[in-house]
């Protein structure tokens, strides 16, 4: 049975104390919430409603834990009766150990193992914290083999870590880094500043992010081409992350006043590159309503809005007029 990590740790450091904040109110047209059929399985309807309104929210402390004499097997760290999982899948303990590591500070979660957006704003943000404790490591993930942007983003943001397979580790630091504290805001602002050092292609513009059939879970916007054409006619930059380099994406997004796209990881590109006080407008699938990005826009003092599409679990359509009217409200 797993032990609580705080009890298993030989040393605990409170990096940031818990905080209470007030959420901002999301921007959306009347009747949008009536289109919501269900929420993403990792959230609840009440949690989403709370995210959208100006309600108090408790942000958990940012913590660091040092574990001794650890065994890392398939992305799960075992130490002193504690099991700390960093990848989605957990293999059997019989797997072979490849190397020995004296000290390591680990980044990675089962969520960031699957979703690129959480890798981008989560793992890379935690790496800024982790490097103050020990050399930074991340468990090897086969899921990332087809991701084209992570290395380039880390290079642009000055983030370096080692990837390891199964290992024995004498001292391992792991982190609880989910609370939207001011400490986390400072680190995300540091990453934004490093990306914004690249000369932008434009400024004060709008961007539409193509999703297509990419992503860990299908979210097919059937009339995406028509939406892109309509926004391009109004001066929006159209960015297709699946076809462009990280450098091109950053240059096209930097300084944008608003970014629009289907809810998902591609919006992480925008969060780190939008102009200060910029706006994020998400297109929400009716059967997968999820406003996780609002937690981040609140933290960074950005504006947030959404439009709920019409459709089913296989695909959906959104009205361009709904998008344009919501742009007027949010931007």
C-alpha atoms as a PDB file:
ATOM      1  CA  UNK A   1       0.000   0.000   0.000  1.00  0.00           C
ATOM      2  CA  UNK A   2       1.234   3.500  -0.841  1.00  0.00           C
ATOM      3  CA  UNK A   3       2.336   5.774   1.961  1.00  0.00           C
ATOM      4  CA  UNK A   4       1.726   9.486   1.913  1.00  0.00           C
ATOM      5  CA  UNK A   5       4.698  11.092   0.191  1.00  0.00           C
ATOM      6  CA  UNK A   6       5.113  13.613   3.000  1.00  0.00           C
ATOM      7  CA  UNK A   7       5.532  10.743   5.480  1.00  0.00           C
ATOM      8  CA  UNK A   8       7.951   8.871   3.223  1.00  0.00           C
ATOM      9  CA  UNK A   9      10.154  11.936   2.556  1.00  0.00           C
ATOM     10  CA  UNK A  10      13.332  12.498   4.563  1.00  0.00           C
ATOM     11  CA  UNK A  11      13.112  16.242   3.863  1.00  0.00           C
ATOM     12  CA  UNK A  12      10.222  18.556   2.988  1.00  0.00           C
ATOM     13  CA  UNK A  13      10.463  22.113   1.676  1.00  0.00           C
ATOM     14  CA  UNK A  14       7.511  24.504   1.345  1.00  0.00           C
ATOM     15  CA  UNK A  15       8.410  26.437  -1.806  1.00  0.00           C
ATOM     16  CA  UNK A  16       5.216  28.508  -1.755  1.00  0.00           C
ATOM     17  CA  UNK A  17       2.482  28.692   0.875  1.00  0.00           C
ATOM     18  CA  UNK A  18      -1.175  28.088  -0.060  1.00  0.00           C
ATOM     19  CA  UNK A  19      -3.071  31.130  -1.305  1.00  0.00           C
ATOM     20  CA  UNK A  20      -6.659  32.322  -1.674  1.00  0.00           C
ATOM     21  CA  UNK A  21      -7.572  34.222  -4.846  1.00  0.00           C
ATOM     22  CA  UNK A  22     -10.713  35.441  -6.606  1.00  0.00           C
ATOM     23  CA  UNK A  23     -11.418  34.113 -10.053  1.00  0.00           C
ATOM     24  CA  UNK A  24     -12.448  36.455 -12.851  1.00  0.00           C
ATOM     25  CA  UNK A  25     -15.716  36.031 -14.727  1.00  0.00           C
ATOM     26  CA  UNK A  26     -15.433  34.295 -18.103  1.00  0.00           C
ATOM     27  CA  UNK A  27     -16.866  35.927 -21.214  1.00  0.00           C
ATOM     28  CA  UNK A  28     -19.558  34.097 -23.187  1.00  0.00           C
ATOM     29  CA  UNK A  29     -22.778  34.815 -25.053  1.00  0.00           C
ATOM     30  CA  UNK A  30     -26.217  34.117 -23.567  1.00  0.00           C
ATOM     31  CA  UNK A  31     -27.383  30.540 -24.074  1.00  0.00           C
ATOM     32  CA  UNK A  32     -23.926  29.016 -24.476  1.00  0.00           C
ATOM     33  CA  UNK A  33     -24.125  26.903 -21.331  1.00  0.00           C
ATOM     34  CA  UNK A  34     -27.398  25.374 -22.576  1.00  0.00           C
ATOM     35  CA  UNK A  35     -25.375  23.664 -25.314  1.00  0.00           C
ATOM     36  CA  UNK A  36     -23.137  21.805 -22.853  1.00  0.00           C
ATOM     37  CA  UNK A  37     -24.020  18.104 -22.844  1.00  0.00           C
ATOM     38  CA  UNK A  38     -21.239  16.796 -20.591  1.00  0.00           C
ATOM     39  CA  UNK A  39     -17.813  17.735 -19.214  1.00  0.00           C
ATOM     40  CA  UNK A  40     -14.412  16.113 -19.662  1.00  0.00           C
ATOM     41  CA  UNK A  41     -14.028  13.017 -17.505  1.00  0.00           C
ATOM     42  CA  UNK A  42     -11.271  14.609 -15.399  1.00  0.00           C
ATOM     43  CA  UNK A  43     -13.515  17.407 -14.138  1.00  0.00           C
ATOM     44  CA  UNK A  44     -17.073  17.970 -12.902  1.00  0.00           C
ATOM     45  CA  UNK A  45     -19.906  20.267 -13.926  1.00  0.00           C
ATOM     46  CA  UNK A  46     -19.634  22.143 -10.620  1.00  0.00           C
ATOM     47  CA  UNK A  47     -15.898  22.623 -11.008  1.00  0.00           C
ATOM     48  CA  UNK A  48     -16.427  24.106 -14.460  1.00  0.00           C
ATOM     49  CA  UNK A  49     -19.151  26.453 -13.242  1.00  0.00           C
ATOM     50  CA  UNK A  50     -16.861  27.618 -10.431  1.00  0.00           C
ATOM     51  CA  UNK A  51     -14.085  28.304 -12.930  1.00  0.00           C
ATOM     52  CA  UNK A  52     -16.331  30.580 -14.963  1.00  0.00           C
ATOM     53  CA  UNK A  53     -17.514  32.833 -12.140  1.00  0.00           C
ATOM     54  CA  UNK A  54     -15.873  35.332  -9.800  1.00  0.00           C
ATOM     55  CA  UNK A  55     -15.613  32.969  -6.856  1.00  0.00           C
ATOM     56  CA  UNK A  56     -12.860  32.458  -4.256  1.00  0.00           C
ATOM     57  CA  UNK A  57     -10.435  29.651  -5.043  1.00  0.00           C
ATOM     58  CA  UNK A  58      -7.878  27.925  -2.803  1.00  0.00           C
ATOM     59  CA  UNK A  59      -4.499  27.320  -4.404  1.00  0.00           C
ATOM     60  CA  UNK A  60      -2.502  24.522  -2.789  1.00  0.00           C
ATOM     61  CA  UNK A  61       1.042  25.005  -1.567  1.00  0.00           C
ATOM     62  CA  UNK A  62       3.996  24.258  -3.833  1.00  0.00           C
ATOM     63  CA  UNK A  63       5.997  21.542  -2.104  1.00  0.00           C
ATOM     64  CA  UNK A  64       9.308  19.733  -2.628  1.00  0.00           C
ATOM     65  CA  UNK A  65       9.967  16.279  -1.157  1.00  0.00           C
ATOM     66  CA  UNK A  66      13.304  14.460  -0.928  1.00  0.00           C
ATOM     67  CA  UNK A  67      13.177  10.677  -1.104  1.00  0.00           C
ATOM     68  CA  UNK A  68      16.103   8.393  -0.306  1.00  0.00           C
ATOM     69  CA  UNK A  69      17.242   5.135  -1.937  1.00  0.00           C
ATOM     70  CA  UNK A  70      14.681   5.185  -4.735  1.00  0.00           C
ATOM     71  CA  UNK A  71      13.889   2.819  -7.549  1.00  0.00           C
ATOM     72  CA  UNK A  72      12.530   4.305 -10.784  1.00  0.00           C
ATOM     73  CA  UNK A  73      10.655   1.757 -12.881  1.00  0.00           C
ATOM     74  CA  UNK A  74       8.790   2.875 -15.971  1.00  0.00           C
ATOM     75  CA  UNK A  75       8.259   6.398 -14.715  1.00  0.00           C
ATOM     76  CA  UNK A  76       7.095   5.438 -11.213  1.00  0.00           C
ATOM     77  CA  UNK A  77       9.385   6.221  -8.288  1.00  0.00           C
ATOM     78  CA  UNK A  78       9.382   3.798  -5.333  1.00  0.00           C
ATOM     79  CA  UNK A  79      10.862   4.757  -1.963  1.00  0.00           C
ATOM     80  CA  UNK A  80      10.149   3.942   1.665  1.00  0.00           C
ATOM     81  CA  UNK A  81       6.715   2.497   0.962  1.00  0.00           C
ATOM     82  CA  UNK A  82       5.772   5.432  -1.275  1.00  0.00           C
ATOM     83  CA  UNK A  83       4.877   5.223  -4.955  1.00  0.00           C
ATOM     84  CA  UNK A  84       5.133   8.442  -7.017  1.00  0.00           C
ATOM     85  CA  UNK A  85       3.858   8.078 -10.580  1.00  0.00           C
ATOM     86  CA  UNK A  86       5.108  10.362 -13.373  1.00  0.00           C
ATOM     87  CA  UNK A  87       3.894   8.514 -16.491  1.00  0.00           C
ATOM     88  CA  UNK A  88       0.395   7.339 -17.399  1.00  0.00           C
ATOM     89  CA  UNK A  89       1.299   3.640 -17.593  1.00  0.00           C
ATOM     90  CA  UNK A  90       2.892   1.711 -14.740  1.00  0.00           C
ATOM     91  CA  UNK A  91       4.871  -1.430 -15.713  1.00  0.00           C
ATOM     92  CA  UNK A  92       5.595  -4.399 -13.421  1.00  0.00           C
ATOM     93  CA  UNK A  93       8.419  -4.126 -10.878  1.00  0.00           C
ATOM     94  CA  UNK A  94      10.324  -6.923 -12.630  1.00  0.00           C
ATOM     95  CA  UNK A  95      11.641  -4.482 -15.259  1.00  0.00           C
ATOM     96  CA  UNK A  96      15.434  -4.156 -15.545  1.00  0.00           C
ATOM     97  CA  UNK A  97      17.364  -1.252 -13.993  1.00  0.00           C
ATOM     98  CA  UNK A  98      19.524   0.594 -16.542  1.00  0.00           C
ATOM     99  CA  UNK A  99      21.639   2.981 -14.464  1.00  0.00           C
ATOM    100  CA  UNK A 100      22.453   4.526 -11.085  1.00  0.00           C
ATOM    101  CA  UNK A 101      21.906   8.226 -10.336  1.00  0.00           C
ATOM    102  CA  UNK A 102      23.257  10.020  -7.302  1.00  0.00           C
ATOM    103  CA  UNK A 103      20.922  13.043  -7.243  1.00  0.00           C
ATOM    104  CA  UNK A 104      17.914  13.964  -9.346  1.00  0.00           C
ATOM    105  CA  UNK A 105      15.025  16.424  -9.300  1.00  0.00           C
ATOM    106  CA  UNK A 106      12.156  14.933 -11.282  1.00  0.00           C
ATOM    107  CA  UNK A 107       9.508  16.594 -13.422  1.00  0.00           C
ATOM    108  CA  UNK A 108       6.611  14.814 -15.061  1.00  0.00           C
ATOM    109  CA  UNK A 109       3.039  13.788 -14.267  1.00  0.00           C
ATOM    110  CA  UNK A 110       0.599  11.249 -15.732  1.00  0.00           C
ATOM    111  CA  UNK A 111      -1.255  14.242 -17.218  1.00  0.00           C
ATOM    112  CA  UNK A 112       1.785  15.830 -18.880  1.00  0.00           C
ATOM    113  CA  UNK A 113       2.719  12.393 -20.191  1.00  0.00           C
ATOM    114  CA  UNK A 114      -0.408  12.512 -22.356  1.00  0.00           C
ATOM    115  CA  UNK A 115      -1.175  16.192 -22.978  1.00  0.00           C
ATOM    116  CA  UNK A 116       1.416  18.419 -24.652  1.00  0.00           C
ATOM    117  CA  UNK A 117      -0.086  21.572 -23.156  1.00  0.00           C
ATOM    118  CA  UNK A 118       0.571  20.351 -19.622  1.00  0.00           C
ATOM    119  CA  UNK A 119       4.078  19.322 -20.630  1.00  0.00           C
ATOM    120  CA  UNK A 120       4.674  22.839 -21.962  1.00  0.00           C
ATOM    121  CA  UNK A 121       3.322  24.910 -19.069  1.00  0.00           C
ATOM    122  CA  UNK A 122       3.586  22.247 -16.360  1.00  0.00           C
ATOM    123  CA  UNK A 123       6.789  20.231 -16.690  1.00  0.00           C
ATOM    124  CA  UNK A 124       8.831  23.098 -18.122  1.00  0.00           C
ATOM    125  CA  UNK A 125       7.558  25.467 -15.449  1.00  0.00           C
ATOM    126  CA  UNK A 126       8.365  22.954 -12.711  1.00  0.00           C
ATOM    127  CA  UNK A 127      11.860  22.521 -14.174  1.00  0.00           C
ATOM    128  CA  UNK A 128      12.614  26.155 -13.256  1.00  0.00           C
ATOM    129  CA  UNK A 129      11.889  25.185  -9.667  1.00  0.00           C
ATOM    130  CA  UNK A 130      13.507  21.744  -9.741  1.00  0.00           C
ATOM    131  CA  UNK A 131      16.923  22.942 -10.889  1.00  0.00           C
ATOM    132  CA  UNK A 132      17.393  24.685  -7.529  1.00  0.00           C
ATOM    133  CA  UNK A 133      17.341  21.289  -5.809  1.00  0.00           C
ATOM    134  CA  UNK A 134      19.320  18.878  -8.016  1.00  0.00           C
ATOM    135  CA  UNK A 135      20.064  18.076 -11.682  1.00  0.00           C
ATOM    136  CA  UNK A 136      16.710  17.898 -13.483  1.00  0.00           C
ATOM    137  CA  UNK A 137      15.480  14.595 -14.915  1.00  0.00           C
ATOM    138  CA  UNK A 138      12.350  13.393 -16.647  1.00  0.00           C
ATOM    139  CA  UNK A 139      11.392   9.738 -17.121  1.00  0.00           C
ATOM    140  CA  UNK A 140      11.515   8.541 -20.705  1.00  0.00           C
ATOM    141  CA  UNK A 141       8.059   8.451 -22.326  1.00  0.00           C
ATOM    142  CA  UNK A 142       7.288   6.562 -25.517  1.00  0.00           C
ATOM    143  CA  UNK A 143       4.201   8.790 -25.894  1.00  0.00           C
ATOM    144  CA  UNK A 144       6.434  11.772 -26.708  1.00  0.00           C
ATOM    145  CA  UNK A 145       8.208  10.110 -29.628  1.00  0.00           C
ATOM    146  CA  UNK A 146       5.953  11.834 -32.191  1.00  0.00           C
ATOM    147  CA  UNK A 147       5.843  15.234 -30.490  1.00  0.00           C
ATOM    148  CA  UNK A 148       7.699  17.671 -32.734  1.00  0.00           C
ATOM    149  CA  UNK A 149       8.023  20.790 -30.561  1.00  0.00           C
ATOM    150  CA  UNK A 150       9.252  19.975 -27.002  1.00  0.00           C
ATOM    151  CA  UNK A 151      13.013  20.107 -27.595  1.00  0.00           C
ATOM    152  CA  UNK A 152      12.829  23.375 -29.543  1.00  0.00           C
ATOM    153  CA  UNK A 153      10.663  24.987 -26.868  1.00  0.00           C
ATOM    154  CA  UNK A 154      13.033  23.940 -24.102  1.00  0.00           C
ATOM    155  CA  UNK A 155      15.961  25.357 -26.053  1.00  0.00           C
ATOM    156  CA  UNK A 156      14.178  28.686 -26.613  1.00  0.00           C
ATOM    157  CA  UNK A 157      13.320  28.899 -22.907  1.00  0.00           C
ATOM    158  CA  UNK A 158      16.725  27.788 -21.663  1.00  0.00           C
ATOM    159  CA  UNK A 159      15.435  24.628 -19.991  1.00  0.00           C
ATOM    160  CA  UNK A 160      17.670  21.573 -19.920  1.00  0.00           C
ATOM    161  CA  UNK A 161      16.992  18.183 -18.397  1.00  0.00           C
ATOM    162  CA  UNK A 162      18.150  14.609 -18.762  1.00  0.00           C
ATOM    163  CA  UNK A 163      15.864  11.759 -19.737  1.00  0.00           C
ATOM    164  CA  UNK A 164      16.267   8.471 -17.932  1.00  0.00           C
ATOM    165  CA  UNK A 165      14.878   4.975 -18.084  1.00  0.00           C
ATOM    166  CA  UNK A 166      14.757   2.619 -15.122  1.00  0.00           C
ATOM    167  CA  UNK A 167      17.267   3.640 -12.448  1.00  0.00           C
ATOM    168  CA  UNK A 168      18.364   3.482  -8.860  1.00  0.00           C
ATOM    169  CA  UNK A 169      18.566   6.972  -7.319  1.00  0.00           C
ATOM    170  CA  UNK A 170      20.270   7.786  -4.037  1.00  0.00           C
ATOM    171  CA  UNK A 171      18.468  11.127  -3.571  1.00  0.00           C
ATOM    172  CA  UNK A 172      15.378  12.120  -5.560  1.00  0.00           C
ATOM    173  CA  UNK A 173      13.382  15.321  -5.283  1.00  0.00           C
ATOM    174  CA  UNK A 174       9.769  15.363  -6.455  1.00  0.00           C
ATOM    175  CA  UNK A 175       7.327  18.260  -6.459  1.00  0.00           C
ATOM    176  CA  UNK A 176       3.684  19.092  -5.842  1.00  0.00           C
ATOM    177  CA  UNK A 177       3.326  22.031  -8.229  1.00  0.00           C
ATOM    178  CA  UNK A 178      -0.323  22.444  -9.172  1.00  0.00           C
ATOM    179  CA  UNK A 179      -1.470  25.447  -7.115  1.00  0.00           C
ATOM    180  CA  UNK A 180      -1.751  28.711  -9.070  1.00  0.00           C
ATOM    181  CA  UNK A 181       0.436  30.575  -6.598  1.00  0.00           C
ATOM    182  CA  UNK A 182       2.387  33.761  -7.195  1.00  0.00           C
ATOM    183  CA  UNK A 183       5.519  31.614  -7.201  1.00  0.00           C
ATOM    184  CA  UNK A 184       4.135  29.705 -10.173  1.00  0.00           C
ATOM    185  CA  UNK A 185       3.065  32.944 -11.851  1.00  0.00           C
ATOM    186  CA  UNK A 186       6.625  34.252 -11.569  1.00  0.00           C
ATOM    187  CA  UNK A 187       8.018  31.141 -13.237  1.00  0.00           C
ATOM    188  CA  UNK A 188       5.487  31.217 -16.084  1.00  0.00           C
ATOM    189  CA  UNK A 189       6.226  34.905 -16.609  1.00  0.00           C
ATOM    190  CA  UNK A 190       9.917  34.040 -16.846  1.00  0.00           C
ATOM    191  CA  UNK A 191       9.153  31.514 -19.598  1.00  0.00           C
ATOM    192  CA  UNK A 192       6.976  34.071 -21.406  1.00  0.00           C
ATOM    193  CA  UNK A 193       9.760  36.659 -21.273  1.00  0.00           C
ATOM    194  CA  UNK A 194      12.243  34.214 -22.758  1.00  0.00           C
ATOM    195  CA  UNK A 195       9.950  33.359 -25.658  1.00  0.00           C
ATOM    196  CA  UNK A 196       9.064  36.991 -26.249  1.00  0.00           C
ATOM    197  CA  UNK A 197      12.748  37.749 -26.760  1.00  0.00           C
ATOM    198  CA  UNK A 198      12.258  36.409 -30.304  1.00  0.00           C
ATOM    199  CA  UNK A 199      11.249  39.194 -32.722  1.00  0.00           C
ATOM    200  CA  UNK A 200       7.498  38.785 -33.390  1.00  0.00           C
ATOM    201  CA  UNK A 201       6.122  38.768 -36.905  1.00  0.00           C
ATOM    202  CA  UNK A 202       3.339  41.167 -35.878  1.00  0.00           C
ATOM    203  CA  UNK A 203       1.767  42.609 -32.728  1.00  0.00           C
ATOM    204  CA  UNK A 204      -1.728  43.428 -31.557  1.00  0.00           C
ATOM    205  CA  UNK A 205      -3.227  40.917 -33.974  1.00  0.00           C
ATOM    206  CA  UNK A 206      -5.491  37.901 -33.602  1.00  0.00           C
ATOM    207  CA  UNK A 207      -4.491  34.262 -34.139  1.00  0.00           C
ATOM    208  CA  UNK A 208      -6.550  31.188 -34.955  1.00  0.00           C
ATOM    209  CA  UNK A 209      -4.938  27.853 -34.087  1.00  0.00           C
ATOM    210  CA  UNK A 210      -5.773  24.897 -36.334  1.00  0.00           C
ATOM    211  CA  UNK A 211      -6.389  21.626 -34.511  1.00  0.00           C
ATOM    212  CA  UNK A 212      -7.453  19.351 -37.365  1.00  0.00           C
ATOM    213  CA  UNK A 213      -7.270  15.690 -36.388  1.00  0.00           C
ATOM    214  CA  UNK A 214      -4.248  16.082 -34.110  1.00  0.00           C
ATOM    215  CA  UNK A 215      -4.135  15.605 -30.350  1.00  0.00           C
ATOM    216  CA  UNK A 216      -4.263  12.671 -27.959  1.00  0.00           C
ATOM    217  CA  UNK A 217      -8.073  12.671 -28.163  1.00  0.00           C
ATOM    218  CA  UNK A 218     -10.054  13.507 -31.335  1.00  0.00           C
ATOM    219  CA  UNK A 219     -11.897  16.825 -31.198  1.00  0.00           C
ATOM    220  CA  UNK A 220     -13.042  17.382 -34.770  1.00  0.00           C
ATOM    221  CA  UNK A 221     -14.272  20.856 -35.641  1.00  0.00           C
ATOM    222  CA  UNK A 222     -16.009  20.003 -38.906  1.00  0.00           C
ATOM    223  CA  UNK A 223     -16.141  23.552 -40.250  1.00  0.00           C
ATOM    224  CA  UNK A 224     -12.654  24.509 -39.092  1.00  0.00           C
ATOM    225  CA  UNK A 225     -11.541  25.455 -42.624  1.00  0.00           C
ATOM    226  CA  UNK A 226     -14.490  27.833 -43.009  1.00  0.00           C
ATOM    227  CA  UNK A 227     -13.798  29.403 -39.608  1.00  0.00           C
ATOM    228  CA  UNK A 228     -10.133  29.869 -40.518  1.00  0.00           C
ATOM    229  CA  UNK A 229     -11.094  31.471 -43.828  1.00  0.00           C
ATOM    230  CA  UNK A 230     -13.562  33.812 -42.142  1.00  0.00           C
ATOM    231  CA  UNK A 231     -11.062  34.917 -39.494  1.00  0.00           C
ATOM    232  CA  UNK A 232      -8.235  35.282 -42.027  1.00  0.00           C
ATOM    233  CA  UNK A 233     -10.465  37.662 -44.026  1.00  0.00           C
ATOM    234  CA  UNK A 234     -10.625  39.777 -40.855  1.00  0.00           C
ATOM    235  CA  UNK A 235      -6.856  39.942 -40.452  1.00  0.00           C
ATOM    236  CA  UNK A 236      -6.274  36.934 -38.193  1.00  0.00           C
ATOM    237  CA  UNK A 237      -3.035  34.961 -38.461  1.00  0.00           C
ATOM    238  CA  UNK A 238      -3.750  31.273 -39.086  1.00  0.00           C
ATOM    239  CA  UNK A 239      -1.329  28.909 -37.320  1.00  0.00           C
ATOM    240  CA  UNK A 240      -1.243  25.153 -37.852  1.00  0.00           C
ATOM    241  CA  UNK A 241       1.048  23.716 -35.141  1.00  0.00           C
ATOM    242  CA  UNK A 242       1.100  20.308 -36.833  1.00  0.00           C
ATOM    243  CA  UNK A 243       2.792  21.824 -39.892  1.00  0.00           C
ATOM    244  CA  UNK A 244       4.974  24.546 -38.384  1.00  0.00           C
ATOM    245  CA  UNK A 245       8.128  24.636 -36.289  1.00  0.00           C
ATOM    246  CA  UNK A 246       8.099  25.868 -32.712  1.00  0.00           C
ATOM    247  CA  UNK A 247      10.095  28.906 -33.819  1.00  0.00           C
ATOM    248  CA  UNK A 248       7.497  29.796 -36.476  1.00  0.00           C
ATOM    249  CA  UNK A 249       4.633  29.284 -34.018  1.00  0.00           C
ATOM    250  CA  UNK A 250       6.208  31.552 -31.414  1.00  0.00           C
ATOM    251  CA  UNK A 251       6.968  34.314 -33.922  1.00  0.00           C
ATOM    252  CA  UNK A 252       3.416  34.275 -35.303  1.00  0.00           C
ATOM    253  CA  UNK A 253       1.760  34.203 -31.878  1.00  0.00           C
ATOM    254  CA  UNK A 254       4.011  36.630 -29.992  1.00  0.00           C
ATOM    255  CA  UNK A 255       2.294  39.889 -29.178  1.00  0.00           C
ATOM    256  CA  UNK A 256      -1.152  38.680 -30.292  1.00  0.00           C
ATOM    257  CA  UNK A 257      -4.050  40.355 -28.497  1.00  0.00           C
ATOM    258  CA  UNK A 258      -6.272  37.274 -28.809  1.00  0.00           C
ATOM    259  CA  UNK A 259      -5.844  33.595 -29.672  1.00  0.00           C
ATOM    260  CA  UNK A 260      -8.700  31.285 -30.658  1.00  0.00           C
ATOM    261  CA  UNK A 261      -8.774  27.517 -30.960  1.00  0.00           C
ATOM    262  CA  UNK A 262     -10.508  24.286 -30.031  1.00  0.00           C
ATOM    263  CA  UNK A 263     -10.009  23.526 -26.343  1.00  0.00           C
ATOM    264  CA  UNK A 264      -6.865  21.442 -26.005  1.00  0.00           C
ATOM    265  CA  UNK A 265      -3.099  21.394 -25.746  1.00  0.00           C
ATOM    266  CA  UNK A 266      -2.466  23.655 -28.735  1.00  0.00           C
ATOM    267  CA  UNK A 267      -3.665  26.581 -26.632  1.00  0.00           C
ATOM    268  CA  UNK A 268      -0.514  26.151 -24.547  1.00  0.00           C
ATOM    269  CA  UNK A 269       1.373  27.708 -27.461  1.00  0.00           C
ATOM    270  CA  UNK A 270      -0.748  30.824 -27.023  1.00  0.00           C
ATOM    271  CA  UNK A 271      -0.588  31.052 -23.245  1.00  0.00           C
ATOM    272  CA  UNK A 272       3.179  31.548 -23.335  1.00  0.00           C
ATOM    273  CA  UNK A 273       3.211  34.005 -26.244  1.00  0.00           C
ATOM    274  CA  UNK A 274       0.113  36.225 -26.057  1.00  0.00           C
ATOM    275  CA  UNK A 275       0.582  39.903 -25.295  1.00  0.00           C
ATOM    276  CA  UNK A 276       0.305  40.924 -21.649  1.00  0.00           C
ATOM    277  CA  UNK A 277      -3.386  41.257 -20.752  1.00  0.00           C
ATOM    278  CA  UNK A 278      -4.196  39.276 -23.916  1.00  0.00           C
ATOM    279  CA  UNK A 279      -7.261  37.084 -24.355  1.00  0.00           C
ATOM    280  CA  UNK A 280      -7.823  33.382 -24.941  1.00  0.00           C
ATOM    281  CA  UNK A 281     -11.038  32.274 -26.646  1.00  0.00           C
ATOM    282  CA  UNK A 282     -11.739  28.538 -26.601  1.00  0.00           C
ATOM    283  CA  UNK A 283     -14.099  26.596 -28.844  1.00  0.00           C
ATOM    284  CA  UNK A 284     -15.698  24.006 -26.587  1.00  0.00           C
ATOM    285  CA  UNK A 285     -16.894  20.593 -27.804  1.00  0.00           C
ATOM    286  CA  UNK A 286     -20.429  20.087 -26.409  1.00  0.00           C
ATOM    287  CA  UNK A 287     -19.569  16.688 -24.924  1.00  0.00           C
ATOM    288  CA  UNK A 288     -16.170  17.671 -23.499  1.00  0.00           C
ATOM    289  CA  UNK A 289     -16.652  21.015 -21.771  1.00  0.00           C
ATOM    290  CA  UNK A 290     -13.421  21.899 -19.963  1.00  0.00           C
ATOM    291  CA  UNK A 291     -12.001  25.298 -18.997  1.00  0.00           C
ATOM    292  CA  UNK A 292      -8.677  24.255 -17.493  1.00  0.00           C
ATOM    293  CA  UNK A 293      -6.922  27.061 -19.391  1.00  0.00           C
ATOM    294  CA  UNK A 294      -8.914  29.619 -17.417  1.00  0.00           C
ATOM    295  CA  UNK A 295      -6.918  28.659 -14.324  1.00  0.00           C
ATOM    296  CA  UNK A 296      -3.841  29.856 -16.202  1.00  0.00           C
ATOM    297  CA  UNK A 297      -5.368  32.990 -17.727  1.00  0.00           C
ATOM    298  CA  UNK A 298      -6.550  34.031 -14.267  1.00  0.00           C
ATOM    299  CA  UNK A 299      -3.039  33.493 -12.926  1.00  0.00           C
ATOM    300  CA  UNK A 300      -1.479  35.582 -15.709  1.00  0.00           C
ATOM    301  CA  UNK A 301      -4.169  38.294 -15.586  1.00  0.00           C
ATOM    302  CA  UNK A 302      -5.398  37.517 -19.081  1.00  0.00           C
ATOM    303  CA  UNK A 303      -8.996  37.469 -20.289  1.00  0.00           C
ATOM    304  CA  UNK A 304     -10.861  34.274 -21.074  1.00  0.00           C
ATOM    305  CA  UNK A 305     -13.931  33.481 -23.145  1.00  0.00           C
ATOM    306  CA  UNK A 306     -15.535  30.522 -24.855  1.00  0.00           C
ATOM    307  CA  UNK A 307     -18.052  29.461 -27.476  1.00  0.00           C
ATOM    308  CA  UNK A 308     -19.790  26.086 -27.197  1.00  0.00           C
ATOM    309  CA  UNK A 309     -20.122  24.228 -30.490  1.00  0.00           C
ATOM    310  CA  UNK A 310     -23.090  22.175 -31.709  1.00  0.00           C
ATOM    311  CA  UNK A 311     -22.651  18.514 -32.571  1.00  0.00           C
ATOM    312  CA  UNK A 312     -22.040  15.072 -31.157  1.00  0.00           C
ATOM    313  CA  UNK A 313     -19.149  13.061 -29.742  1.00  0.00           C
ATOM    314  CA  UNK A 314     -17.710  12.437 -33.219  1.00  0.00           C
ATOM    315  CA  UNK A 315     -17.580  16.047 -34.377  1.00  0.00           C
ATOM    316  CA  UNK A 316     -19.078  19.491 -34.046  1.00  0.00           C
ATOM    317  CA  UNK A 317     -19.570  22.833 -35.789  1.00  0.00           C
ATOM    318  CA  UNK A 318     -19.290  26.377 -34.479  1.00  0.00           C
ATOM    319  CA  UNK A 319     -20.962  29.517 -35.783  1.00  0.00           C
ATOM    320  CA  UNK A 320     -18.522  32.160 -37.028  1.00  0.00           C
ATOM    321  CA  UNK A 321     -20.913  34.904 -35.901  1.00  0.00           C
ATOM    322  CA  UNK A 322     -20.826  33.506 -32.343  1.00  0.00           C
ATOM    323  CA  UNK A 323     -17.038  33.701 -32.433  1.00  0.00           C
ATOM    324  CA  UNK A 324     -17.010  37.255 -33.778  1.00  0.00           C
ATOM    325  CA  UNK A 325     -19.536  38.489 -31.212  1.00  0.00           C
ATOM    326  CA  UNK A 326     -17.579  36.865 -28.399  1.00  0.00           C
ATOM    327  CA  UNK A 327     -14.351  38.446 -29.692  1.00  0.00           C
ATOM    328  CA  UNK A 328     -16.023  41.840 -29.372  1.00  0.00           C
ATOM    329  CA  UNK A 329     -16.903  41.065 -25.747  1.00  0.00           C
ATOM    330  CA  UNK A 330     -13.613  39.572 -24.617  1.00  0.00           C
ATOM    331  CA  UNK A 331     -11.150  41.729 -26.533  1.00  0.00           C
END
